[in-house]
C-alpha cells in the first residue's frame, strides 16, 4: 500500500488554548491517534507528524497484562 492509498488523514488544528495539535483520522471519521500535547507552532506540530511517520512504520505491538 502506498502513502496515497492510506485510509487515514493527518489533520492539523488549533485547540481552545491556541496550541497547535494533530490527529490522525480514519476515512470513517474515527480518530486513530493524536498528538497528546499542544505545540507552540504549526511547524512544531508538523514535525510531530513527521516523527510518527518516520519512527513508527514498523513498530512492534506488545501486549501488556
Protein backbone atom coordinates (compact mmCIF):
# COMPACT_ATOMS: atom_id res chain seq x y z
CA UNK A 1 0.00 0.00 0.00
CA UNK A 2 1.44 3.37 -0.92
CA UNK A 3 1.03 6.59 1.05
CA UNK A 4 -1.64 7.70 -1.43
CA UNK A 5 -3.69 4.56 -0.64
CA UNK A 6 -3.97 5.43 3.06
CA UNK A 7 -7.36 5.15 4.71
CA UNK A 8 -6.42 7.96 7.12
CA UNK A 9 -5.53 11.64 7.08
CA UNK A 10 -3.44 13.75 9.45
CA UNK A 11 -5.28 16.90 10.49
CA UNK A 12 -3.51 19.98 11.90
CA UNK A 13 -5.65 22.26 14.06
CA UNK A 14 -5.54 24.85 16.84
CA UNK A 15 -7.11 23.92 20.19
CA UNK A 16 -9.09 26.21 22.52
CA UNK A 17 -5.91 27.34 24.29
CA UNK A 18 -4.30 28.37 20.99
CA UNK A 19 -1.91 25.40 20.81
CA UNK A 20 -1.28 23.57 17.55
CA UNK A 21 -2.16 19.87 17.55
CA UNK A 22 -2.50 16.98 15.12
CA UNK A 23 -4.79 13.99 14.91
CA UNK A 24 -4.88 11.01 12.56
CA UNK A 25 -8.43 10.42 11.34
CA UNK A 26 -9.62 7.29 9.51
CA UNK A 27 -11.88 7.69 6.48
CA UNK A 28 -14.79 6.58 8.69
CA UNK A 29 -14.25 9.59 10.98
CA UNK A 30 -12.69 7.75 13.91
CA UNK A 31 -9.61 9.35 15.49
CA UNK A 32 -6.84 6.75 15.34
CA UNK A 33 -4.15 8.80 17.12
CA UNK A 34 -3.46 12.32 18.32
CA UNK A 35 -0.51 14.45 19.35
CA UNK A 36 -1.25 14.11 23.05
CA UNK A 37 0.20 17.57 23.58
CA UNK A 38 -0.11 21.05 22.17
CA UNK A 39 2.71 22.70 20.23
CA UNK A 40 3.62 26.38 20.18
CA UNK A 41 3.65 26.50 16.37
CA UNK A 42 2.16 24.74 13.36
CA UNK A 43 5.71 23.88 12.27
CA UNK A 44 6.38 22.00 15.55
CA UNK A 45 3.09 20.11 15.20
CA UNK A 46 4.06 19.16 11.64
CA UNK A 47 7.43 17.93 12.94
CA UNK A 48 5.47 15.71 15.34
CA UNK A 49 3.58 14.18 12.41
CA UNK A 50 6.83 13.67 10.51
CA UNK A 51 8.36 11.97 13.56
CA UNK A 52 5.47 9.49 13.80
CA UNK A 53 5.72 8.71 10.10
CA UNK A 54 9.48 8.22 10.30
CA UNK A 55 9.78 6.35 13.62
CA UNK A 56 6.74 4.06 13.73
CA UNK A 57 6.11 2.47 10.31
CA UNK A 58 7.14 -0.99 11.52
CA UNK A 59 6.65 -0.55 15.25
CA UNK A 60 6.20 -3.76 17.22
CA UNK A 61 2.99 -4.49 19.11
CA UNK A 62 3.33 -5.52 22.76
CA UNK A 63 0.51 -6.97 24.81
CA UNK A 64 0.66 -5.71 28.40
CA UNK A 65 -1.02 -7.62 31.18
